Amino acid sequence: MSIWELLLAFVVVVLMLVALLANVLVLLCFLYSSDIRKQVPGLFILNLTFCNLLMAVSSMPLTLAGIIYKSQPAGDQVCHVVGFLETFLTTNSMLSMAALSIDRWIAVVFPLSYHSKMRFRDAALILGYTWLHSASFPIVAASLSWVGFHHLYASCTLYNKRPEDRTQFVIFTGVFHALSFLLSLVVLCFTYLKVLKVARFHCKRIDVITMQTLVLLVDIHPSVRERCLEEQRRRRQRATKKISTFIGTFILCFAPYVITRLVELSSVVHINSHWGIISKCLAYSKAVSDPFVYSLLRHQYKKTWKDIINKILKRSSINSSALAGESHSRNLPQLNE
């Protein structure tokens, strides 16, 4: 193996381990906290978490083996199943992110009618659509034998080996990425830009009230005034940073892989195999970033993890105290003798 291949294999191992750990943490928070389970967006996050976990235990290990052995690491049946799952899970993850953005849009733009427009039944219907949408493309690909080991990406994925099917495969690939990546990106941009517009409007209203208050309080200490102005700046930047993170991570992780898949369809452009694997790793990195972007860095999940850690530490301290008391009681007869 070359240095590049060793480095790429190491990156896949790191992505696989971090994705497993982070998504398991999200799952534990969901199981532990009843407040998280009561929230409608929790269904979308749970679905996204399961997609990321399945990706980490199915597609990533075979890609790692493909990098190491430079050939198909398993039998055709296994490769077909993993390729089917990879297409299904990637599409499902994209649509789950779009569903989360729709939920945030309704919550921010229509706050008074949110509970009537986004109920658990509505979320279940949206998830049902994402599953049907995500399953339709790999079913068609599997029925036409367009799933197999692709050396350019060292993974089991969409792949056409028959030259006579090239035109159909090009059309299928274009429609697939248009109705998965592009559709999700359009929904993300539309909903989050609407959310940003409302957030900025509320920030302006708060800023006006704050400035009027500061003008009236002539005797206010300069340090307090400065803290209020600093909080204004942070408030304006907070929504922009969050929305930039949601859209930016989606584009950064998926766009290079999707563009590479589309450019690959052209016989004119030659794509380096190292870049193919790098673009695949970027797509895998979404399974690593999702737990932090959508869950673990939020206040509610942080509080849940603190409660879990405190409960574990308290239980361990109680056990250690009980063991210490038991050993002390055993030593008392020996001292009396």
Foldseek 3Di string as FASTA:
>chain_A
DDPLLVVLLVLLVVLLVLLQVLLVLQVVLCVQDPVLVQDLLSVLLVLLSVLLNCCSPQWSVQLSCCSVVVDRNDDFVSLLVSQLSVQLSLLLNLLSLLVSLVLLLCCQVVVVCSCVVRDNVNSVVSSVVSNVLSNPLSVVQVVVVQWQQDSLQSTIHGHDPDPVCLVVVLVSLVVSCCVRLVVSLVSLVVSLVSNLVSQVVVLVVVVVVLVVVPVVPVVDDPVVVVVSVVVSVCSNVVSVVLSCVSNVLSCQQQVQQSVVVNVVSDPPDDDHSSSSNVSVSSVSCCSSCSSCSPPCVDPSSVVSVVVVVVVVVVVVVVVVVVVVVVVVVVCVVVVVD
